[in-house]
PDB file of N, CA and C in Angstrom:
ATOM      1  N   MET A   1       0.820  -1.186   0.000  1.00  0.00           N
ATOM      2  CA  MET A   1       0.000   0.000   0.000  1.00  0.00           C
ATOM      3  C   MET A   1       0.870   1.258   0.000  1.00  0.00           C
ATOM      4  N   LYS A   2       2.010   1.193   0.711  1.00  0.00           N
ATOM      5  CA  LYS A   2       2.913   2.334   0.727  1.00  0.00           C
ATOM      6  C   LYS A   2       3.446   2.635  -0.662  1.00  0.00           C
ATOM      7  N   ALA A   3       3.767   1.575  -1.397  1.00  0.00           N
ATOM      8  CA  ALA A   3       4.309   1.760  -2.745  1.00  0.00           C
ATOM      9  C   ALA A   3       3.283   2.434  -3.648  1.00  0.00           C
ATOM     10  N   PHE A   4       2.012   2.075  -3.489  1.00  0.00           N
ATOM     11  CA  PHE A   4       0.955   2.675  -4.296  1.00  0.00           C
ATOM     12  C   PHE A   4       0.865   4.180  -4.038  1.00  0.00           C
ATOM     13  N   PHE A   5       0.868   4.571  -2.769  1.00  0.00           N
ATOM     14  CA  PHE A   5       0.783   5.988  -2.438  1.00  0.00           C
ATOM     15  C   PHE A   5       2.016   6.742  -2.913  1.00  0.00           C
ATOM     16  N   ARG A   6       3.174   6.109  -2.844  1.00  0.00           N
ATOM     17  CA  ARG A   6       4.402   6.747  -3.339  1.00  0.00           C
ATOM     18  C   ARG A   6       4.282   7.020  -4.834  1.00  0.00           C
ATOM     19  N   ILE A   7       3.774   6.035  -5.578  1.00  0.00           N
ATOM     20  CA  ILE A   7       3.617   6.203  -7.026  1.00  0.00           C
ATOM     21  C   ILE A   7       2.605   7.308  -7.323  1.00  0.00           C
ATOM     22  N   VAL A   8       1.511   7.350  -6.574  1.00  0.00           N
ATOM     23  CA  VAL A   8       0.484   8.376  -6.791  1.00  0.00           C
ATOM     24  C   VAL A   8       1.052   9.765  -6.506  1.00  0.00           C
ATOM     25  N   ILE A   9       1.781   9.906  -5.420  1.00  0.00           N
ATOM     26  CA  ILE A   9       2.334  11.219  -5.053  1.00  0.00           C
ATOM     27  C   ILE A   9       3.359  11.675  -6.085  1.00  0.00           C
ATOM     28  N   ILE A  10       4.241  10.771  -6.501  1.00  0.00           N
ATOM     29  CA  ILE A  10       5.240  11.135  -7.507  1.00  0.00           C
ATOM     30  C   ILE A  10       4.565  11.503  -8.821  1.00  0.00           C
ATOM     31  N   SER A  11       3.533  10.753  -9.206  1.00  0.00           N
ATOM     32  CA  SER A  11       2.811  11.058 -10.449  1.00  0.00           C
ATOM     33  C   SER A  11       2.148  12.427 -10.380  1.00  0.00           C
ATOM     34  N   LEU A  12       1.558  12.745  -9.241  1.00  0.00           N
ATOM     35  CA  LEU A  12       0.916  14.057  -9.090  1.00  0.00           C
ATOM     36  C   LEU A  12       1.944  15.187  -9.132  1.00  0.00           C
ATOM     37  N   LEU A  13       3.108  14.980  -8.523  1.00  0.00           N
ATOM     38  CA  LEU A  13       4.156  15.999  -8.568  1.00  0.00           C
ATOM     39  C   LEU A  13       4.653  16.223  -9.993  1.00  0.00           C
ATOM     40  N   ILE A  14       4.845  15.142 -10.722  1.00  0.00           N
ATOM     41  CA  ILE A  14       5.305  15.264 -12.107  1.00  0.00           C
ATOM     42  C   ILE A  14       4.243  15.953 -12.965  1.00  0.00           C
ATOM     43  N   ALA A  15       2.975  15.574 -12.781  1.00  0.00           N
ATOM     44  CA  ALA A  15       1.902  16.203 -13.549  1.00  0.00           C
ATOM     45  C   ALA A  15       1.796  17.692 -13.221  1.00  0.00           C
ATOM     46  N   GLY A  16       1.935  18.036 -11.958  1.00  0.00           N
ATOM     47  CA  GLY A  16       1.884  19.447 -11.566  1.00  0.00           C
ATOM     48  C   GLY A  16       3.031  20.238 -12.161  1.00  0.00           C
ATOM     49  N   ALA A  17       4.236  19.645 -12.144  1.00  0.00           N
ATOM     50  CA  ALA A  17       5.391  20.321 -12.739  1.00  0.00           C
ATOM     51  C   ALA A  17       5.210  20.486 -14.243  1.00  0.00           C
ATOM     52  N   ALA A  18       4.640  19.480 -14.892  1.00  0.00           N
ATOM     53  CA  ALA A  18       4.428  19.557 -16.339  1.00  0.00           C
ATOM     54  C   ALA A  18       3.399  20.634 -16.686  1.00  0.00           C
ATOM     55  N   LEU A  19       2.427  20.836 -15.827  1.00  0.00           N
ATOM     56  CA  LEU A  19       1.420  21.866 -16.087  1.00  0.00           C
ATOM     57  C   LEU A  19       1.980  23.269 -15.858  1.00  0.00           C
ATOM     58  N   LEU A  20       2.932  23.403 -14.937  1.00  0.00           N
ATOM     59  CA  LEU A  20       3.499  24.716 -14.649  1.00  0.00           C
ATOM     60  C   LEU A  20       4.676  25.066 -15.559  1.00  0.00           C
ATOM     61  N   ALA A  21       5.298  24.079 -16.168  1.00  0.00           N
ATOM     62  CA  ALA A  21       6.495  24.312 -16.981  1.00  0.00           C
ATOM     63  C   ALA A  21       6.246  25.259 -18.156  1.00  0.00           C
ATOM     64  N   PRO A  22       5.155  25.153 -18.903  1.00  0.00           N
ATOM     65  CA  PRO A  22       4.968  26.087 -20.028  1.00  0.00           C
ATOM     66  C   PRO A  22       4.896  27.548 -19.588  1.00  0.00           C
ATOM     67  N   GLU A  23       4.389  27.826 -18.405  1.00  0.00           N
ATOM     68  CA  GLU A  23       4.323  29.210 -17.925  1.00  0.00           C
ATOM     69  C   GLU A  23       5.720  29.765 -17.683  1.00  0.00           C
ATOM     70  N   LYS A  24       6.611  28.940 -17.208  1.00  0.00           N
ATOM     71  CA  LYS A  24       7.976  29.378 -16.929  1.00  0.00           C
ATOM     72  C   LYS A  24       8.787  29.519 -18.217  1.00  0.00           C
ATOM     73  N   ALA A  25       8.413  28.788 -19.251  1.00  0.00           N
ATOM     74  CA  ALA A  25       9.198  28.759 -20.476  1.00  0.00           C
ATOM     75  C   ALA A  25       8.849  29.896 -21.442  1.00  0.00           C
ATOM     76  N   LYS A  26       7.799  30.623 -21.189  1.00  0.00           N
ATOM     77  CA  LYS A  26       7.406  31.694 -22.104  1.00  0.00           C
ATOM     78  C   LYS A  26       8.445  32.805 -22.087  1.00  0.00           C
ATOM     79  N   ALA A  27       8.769  33.305 -23.252  1.00  0.00           N
ATOM     80  CA  ALA A  27       9.734  34.397 -23.360  1.00  0.00           C
ATOM     81  C   ALA A  27       9.277  35.334 -24.463  1.00  0.00           C
ATOM     82  N   ASP A  28       9.830  36.521 -24.470  1.00  0.00           N
ATOM     83  CA  ASP A  28       9.513  37.478 -25.522  1.00  0.00           C
ATOM     84  C   ASP A  28      10.125  37.010 -26.833  1.00  0.00           C
ATOM     85  N   ALA A  29       9.505  37.403 -27.923  1.00  0.00           N
ATOM     86  CA  ALA A  29      10.033  37.051 -29.236  1.00  0.00           C
ATOM     87  C   ALA A  29      11.354  37.782 -29.459  1.00  0.00           C
ATOM     88  N   PRO A  30      12.338  37.101 -30.059  1.00  0.00           N
ATOM     89  CA  PRO A  30      13.618  37.782 -30.303  1.00  0.00           C
ATOM     90  C   PRO A  30      13.456  38.851 -31.377  1.00  0.00           C
ATOM     91  N   PRO A  31      14.282  39.867 -31.344  1.00  0.00           N
ATOM     92  CA  PRO A  31      14.187  40.916 -32.360  1.00  0.00           C
ATOM     93  C   PRO A  31      14.637  40.373 -33.722  1.00  0.00           C
ATOM     94  N   PRO A  32      14.120  40.939 -34.811  1.00  0.00           N
ATOM     95  CA  PRO A  32      14.526  40.456 -36.133  1.00  0.00           C
ATOM     96  C   PRO A  32      15.997  40.784 -36.398  1.00  0.00           C
ATOM     97  N   PRO A  33      16.645  40.032 -37.287  1.00  0.00           N
ATOM     98  CA  PRO A  33      18.043  40.311 -37.609  1.00  0.00           C
ATOM     99  C   PRO A  33      18.219  41.703 -38.200  1.00  0.00           C
ATOM    100  N   THR A  34      19.447  42.201 -38.173  1.00  0.00           N
ATOM    101  CA  THR A  34      19.701  43.564 -38.633  1.00  0.00           C
ATOM    102  C   THR A  34      19.452  43.714 -40.130  1.00  0.00           C
ATOM    103  N   ASN A  35      19.681  42.660 -40.924  1.00  0.00           N
ATOM    104  CA  ASN A  35      19.480  42.776 -42.371  1.00  0.00           C
ATOM    105  C   ASN A  35      18.068  42.386 -42.790  1.00  0.00           C
ATOM    106  N   HIS A  36      17.201  42.205 -41.865  1.00  0.00           N
ATOM    107  CA  HIS A  36      15.828  41.790 -42.168  1.00  0.00           C
ATOM    108  C   HIS A  36      15.035  42.970 -42.720  1.00  0.00           C
ATOM    109  N   GLY A  37      14.525  42.817 -43.898  1.00  0.00           N
ATOM    110  CA  GLY A  37      13.665  43.826 -44.486  1.00  0.00           C
ATOM    111  C   GLY A  37      14.377  44.896 -45.286  1.00  0.00           C
ATOM    112  N   ASN A  38      15.700  44.903 -45.333  1.00  0.00           N
ATOM    113  CA  ASN A  38      16.403  45.920 -46.112  1.00  0.00           C
ATOM    114  C   ASN A  38      16.159  45.729 -47.602  1.00  0.00           C
ATOM    115  N   THR A  39      16.388  44.539 -48.098  1.00  0.00           N
ATOM    116  CA  THR A  39      16.183  44.249 -49.528  1.00  0.00           C
ATOM    117  C   THR A  39      15.220  43.087 -49.697  1.00  0.00           C
ATOM    118  N   GLY A  40      14.367  42.880 -48.759  1.00  0.00           N
ATOM    119  CA  GLY A  40      13.456  41.741 -48.771  1.00  0.00           C
ATOM    120  C   GLY A  40      13.661  40.948 -47.490  1.00  0.00           C
ATOM    121  N   ASN A  41      12.953  39.893 -47.352  1.00  0.00           N
ATOM    122  CA  ASN A  41      13.065  39.090 -46.148  1.00  0.00           C
ATOM    123  C   ASN A  41      14.327  38.241 -46.187  1.00  0.00           C
ATOM    124  N   ALA A  42      14.966  38.073 -45.041  1.00  0.00           N
ATOM    125  CA  ALA A  42      16.155  37.226 -44.929  1.00  0.00           C
ATOM    126  C   ALA A  42      15.724  35.766 -44.995  1.00  0.00           C
ATOM    127  N   PRO A  43      16.573  34.880 -45.542  1.00  0.00           N
ATOM    128  CA  PRO A  43      16.203  33.466 -45.609  1.00  0.00           C
ATOM    129  C   PRO A  43      16.123  32.852 -44.218  1.00  0.00           C
ATOM    130  N   ALA A  44      15.301  31.823 -44.086  1.00  0.00           N
ATOM    131  CA  ALA A  44      15.164  31.139 -42.806  1.00  0.00           C
ATOM    132  C   ALA A  44      16.478  30.480 -42.437  1.00  0.00           C
ATOM    133  N   GLY A  45      16.903  30.642 -41.217  1.00  0.00           N
ATOM    134  CA  GLY A  45      18.155  30.042 -40.759  1.00  0.00           C
ATOM    135  C   GLY A  45      19.375  30.835 -41.163  1.00  0.00           C
ATOM    136  N   GLY A  46      19.221  31.932 -41.844  1.00  0.00           N
ATOM    137  CA  GLY A  46      20.352  32.745 -42.229  1.00  0.00           C
ATOM    138  C   GLY A  46      21.213  32.112 -43.300  1.00  0.00           C
ATOM    139  N   GLY A  47      20.716  31.153 -44.033  1.00  0.00           N
ATOM    140  CA  GLY A  47      21.486  30.513 -45.087  1.00  0.00           C
ATOM    141  C   GLY A  47      22.528  29.538 -44.555  1.00  0.00           C
ATOM    142  N   THR A  48      22.279  28.937 -43.403  1.00  0.00           N
ATOM    143  CA  THR A  48      23.214  27.991 -42.802  1.00  0.00           C
ATOM    144  C   THR A  48      23.268  26.719 -43.637  1.00  0.00           C
ATOM    145  N   PRO A  49      24.475  26.226 -43.994  1.00  0.00           N
ATOM    146  CA  PRO A  49      24.565  24.984 -44.763  1.00  0.00           C
ATOM    147  C   PRO A  49      24.199  23.774 -43.905  1.00  0.00           C
ATOM    148  N   VAL A  50      23.473  22.844 -44.493  1.00  0.00           N
ATOM    149  CA  VAL A  50      23.013  21.667 -43.778  1.00  0.00           C
ATOM    150  C   VAL A  50      23.623  20.405 -44.373  1.00  0.00           C
ATOM    151  N   GLY A  51      24.197  20.482 -45.568  1.00  0.00           N
ATOM    152  CA  GLY A  51      24.638  19.298 -46.294  1.00  0.00           C
ATOM    153  C   GLY A  51      25.617  18.428 -45.554  1.00  0.00           C
ATOM    154  N   GLY A  52      26.652  18.980 -44.919  1.00  0.00           N
ATOM    155  CA  GLY A  52      27.661  18.157 -44.257  1.00  0.00           C
ATOM    156  C   GLY A  52      27.083  17.319 -43.139  1.00  0.00           C
ATOM    157  N   GLY A  53      26.293  17.920 -42.295  1.00  0.00           N
ATOM    158  CA  GLY A  53      25.683  17.186 -41.189  1.00  0.00           C
ATOM    159  C   GLY A  53      24.700  16.140 -41.669  1.00  0.00           C
ATOM    160  N   LEU A  54      24.003  16.449 -42.753  1.00  0.00           N
ATOM    161  CA  LEU A  54      23.042  15.498 -43.296  1.00  0.00           C
ATOM    162  C   LEU A  54      23.744  14.244 -43.792  1.00  0.00           C
ATOM    163  N   PHE A  55      24.867  14.417 -44.495  1.00  0.00           N
ATOM    164  CA  PHE A  55      25.589  13.258 -45.003  1.00  0.00           C
ATOM    165  C   PHE A  55      26.201  12.449 -43.865  1.00  0.00           C
ATOM    166  N   ILE A  56      26.660  13.094 -42.833  1.00  0.00           N
ATOM    167  CA  ILE A  56      27.194  12.361 -41.685  1.00  0.00           C
ATOM    168  C   ILE A  56      26.091  11.546 -41.025  1.00  0.00           C
ATOM    169  N   MET A  57      24.916  12.149 -40.844  1.00  0.00           N
ATOM    170  CA  MET A  57      23.812  11.439 -40.223  1.00  0.00           C
ATOM    171  C   MET A  57      23.368  10.258 -41.077  1.00  0.00           C
ATOM    172  N   LEU A  58      23.281  10.452 -42.394  1.00  0.00           N
ATOM    173  CA  LEU A  58      22.893   9.343 -43.270  1.00  0.00           C
ATOM    174  C   LEU A  58      23.928   8.224 -43.239  1.00  0.00           C
ATOM    175  N   GLY A  59      25.202   8.582 -43.208  1.00  0.00           N
ATOM    176  CA  GLY A  59      26.248   7.569 -43.138  1.00  0.00           C
ATOM    177  C   GLY A  59      26.177   6.771 -41.850  1.00  0.00           C
ATOM    178  N   MET A  60      25.917   7.453 -40.744  1.00  0.00           N
ATOM    179  CA  MET A  60      25.807   6.747 -39.469  1.00  0.00           C
ATOM    180  C   MET A  60      24.576   5.845 -39.446  1.00  0.00           C
ATOM    181  N   ALA A  61      23.471   6.298 -40.033  1.00  0.00           N
ATOM    182  CA  ALA A  61      22.267   5.476 -40.092  1.00  0.00           C
ATOM    183  C   ALA A  61      22.502   4.235 -40.953  1.00  0.00           C
ATOM    184  N   MET A  62      23.228   4.399 -42.054  1.00  0.00           N
ATOM    185  CA  MET A  62      23.521   3.249 -42.909  1.00  0.00           C
ATOM    186  C   MET A  62      24.442   2.269 -42.190  1.00  0.00           C
ATOM    187  N   ALA A  63      25.428   2.767 -41.452  1.00  0.00           N
ATOM    188  CA  ALA A  63      26.330   1.884 -40.710  1.00  0.00           C
ATOM    189  C   ALA A  63      25.568   1.137 -39.618  1.00  0.00           C
ATOM    190  N   PHE A  64      24.675   1.830 -38.935  1.00  0.00           N
ATOM    191  CA  PHE A  64      23.880   1.190 -37.895  1.00  0.00           C
ATOM    192  C   PHE A  64      22.980   0.106 -38.492  1.00  0.00           C
ATOM    193  N   GLY A  65      22.310   0.421 -39.591  1.00  0.00           N
ATOM    194  CA  GLY A  65      21.449  -0.563 -40.251  1.00  0.00           C
ATOM    195  C   GLY A  65      22.242  -1.759 -40.753  1.00  0.00           C
ATOM    196  N   GLY A  66      23.434  -1.495 -41.298  1.00  0.00           N
ATOM    197  CA  GLY A  66      24.278  -2.601 -41.770  1.00  0.00           C
ATOM    198  C   GLY A  66      24.718  -3.493 -40.626  1.00  0.00           C
ATOM    199  N   ALA A  67      25.080  -2.902 -39.486  1.00  0.00           N
ATOM    200  CA  ALA A  67      25.491  -3.703 -38.333  1.00  0.00           C
ATOM    201  C   ALA A  67      24.325  -4.537 -37.813  1.00  0.00           C
ATOM    202  N   LYS A  68      23.140  -3.945 -37.747  1.00  0.00           N
ATOM    203  CA  LYS A  68      21.968  -4.696 -37.284  1.00  0.00           C
ATOM    204  C   LYS A  68      21.655  -5.841 -38.240  1.00  0.00           C
ATOM    205  N   GLY A  69      21.717  -5.564 -39.545  1.00  0.00           N
ATOM    206  CA  GLY A  69      21.455  -6.614 -40.525  1.00  0.00           C
ATOM    207  C   GLY A  69      22.481  -7.731 -40.449  1.00  0.00           C
ATOM    208  N   TYR A  70      23.751  -7.378 -40.246  1.00  0.00           N
ATOM    209  CA  TYR A  70      24.806  -8.389 -40.133  1.00  0.00           C
ATOM    210  C   TYR A  70      24.596  -9.249 -38.895  1.00  0.00           C
ATOM    211  N   ASN A  71      24.195  -8.628 -37.778  1.00  0.00           N
ATOM    212  CA  ASN A  71      23.922  -9.403 -36.560  1.00  0.00           C
ATOM    213  C   ASN A  71      22.767 -10.363 -36.759  1.00  0.00           C
ATOM    214  N   ILE A  72      21.719  -9.933 -37.435  1.00  0.00           N
ATOM    215  CA  ILE A  72      20.582 -10.814 -37.711  1.00  0.00           C
ATOM    216  C   ILE A  72      21.019 -11.956 -38.614  1.00  0.00           C
ATOM    217  N   TYR A  73      21.822 -11.643 -39.623  1.00  0.00           N
ATOM    218  CA  TYR A  73      22.337 -12.671 -40.528  1.00  0.00           C
ATOM    219  C   TYR A  73      23.154 -13.710 -39.763  1.00  0.00           C
ATOM    220  N   GLN A  74      24.041 -13.256 -38.873  1.00  0.00           N
ATOM    221  CA  GLN A  74      24.878 -14.179 -38.106  1.00  0.00           C
ATOM    222  C   GLN A  74      24.029 -15.046 -37.172  1.00  0.00           C
ATOM    223  N   THR A  75      22.995 -14.456 -36.561  1.00  0.00           N
ATOM    224  CA  THR A  75      22.127 -15.218 -35.666  1.00  0.00           C
ATOM    225  C   THR A  75      21.384 -16.289 -36.431  1.00  0.00           C
ATOM    226  N   LYS A  76      20.837 -15.955 -37.576  1.00  0.00           N
ATOM    227  CA  LYS A  76      20.095 -16.936 -38.368  1.00  0.00           C
ATOM    228  C   LYS A  76      21.024 -18.018 -38.900  1.00  0.00           C
ATOM    229  N   LYS A  77      22.233 -17.628 -39.290  1.00  0.00           N
ATOM    230  CA  LYS A  77      23.213 -18.571 -39.799  1.00  0.00           C
ATOM    231  C   LYS A  77      23.595 -19.571 -38.703  1.00  0.00           C
ATOM    232  N   LYS A  78      23.765 -19.062 -37.474  1.00  0.00           N
ATOM    233  CA  LYS A  78      24.123 -19.928 -36.356  1.00  0.00           C
ATOM    234  C   LYS A  78      22.992 -20.886 -36.027  1.00  0.00           C
ATOM    235  N   SER A  79      21.724 -20.395 -36.091  1.00  0.00           N
ATOM    236  CA  SER A  79      20.596 -21.257 -35.756  1.00  0.00           C
ATOM    237  C   SER A  79      20.379 -22.326 -36.813  1.00  0.00           C
ATOM    238  N   LEU A  80      20.747 -22.058 -38.059  1.00  0.00           N
ATOM    239  CA  LEU A  80      20.627 -23.075 -39.111  1.00  0.00           C
ATOM    240  C   LEU A  80      21.675 -24.174 -38.957  1.00  0.00           C
ATOM    241  N   MET A  81      22.842 -23.820 -38.422  1.00  0.00           N
ATOM    242  CA  MET A  81      23.897 -24.795 -38.249  1.00  0.00           C
ATOM    243  C   MET A  81      23.646 -25.701 -37.050  1.00  0.00           C
ATOM    244  N   ASP A  82      22.852 -25.251 -36.091  1.00  0.00           N
ATOM    245  CA  ASP A  82      22.581 -26.068 -34.890  1.00  0.00           C
ATOM    246  C   ASP A  82      21.632 -27.188 -35.156  1.00  0.00           C
TER     247      ASP A  82
END
C-alpha cells in the first residue's frame, strides 16, 4: 500500500510540474536580424549549410542498419547450423 501511495504522489508531482512548466518557459520574441527587411526578407536560418551534417547522419544510419542486418544474418546462420 505504501508503494501505491508513493507512485500516486510522484505522479501528481510530475503532472503538476508539467502543467506549470509552459508558464515558466514563455519568453519574448527575439528581435529580427539587422538585415531583415532591407532588400526583402532574410532566408530562414540565415542561409546555414546543412549538407555536411546530413551526409554524416545518413552515413551513421547506414552503418547502424548494416550492423543490425549483419547481426541478424549471423544469428540466423548460427541457428541453421545447430
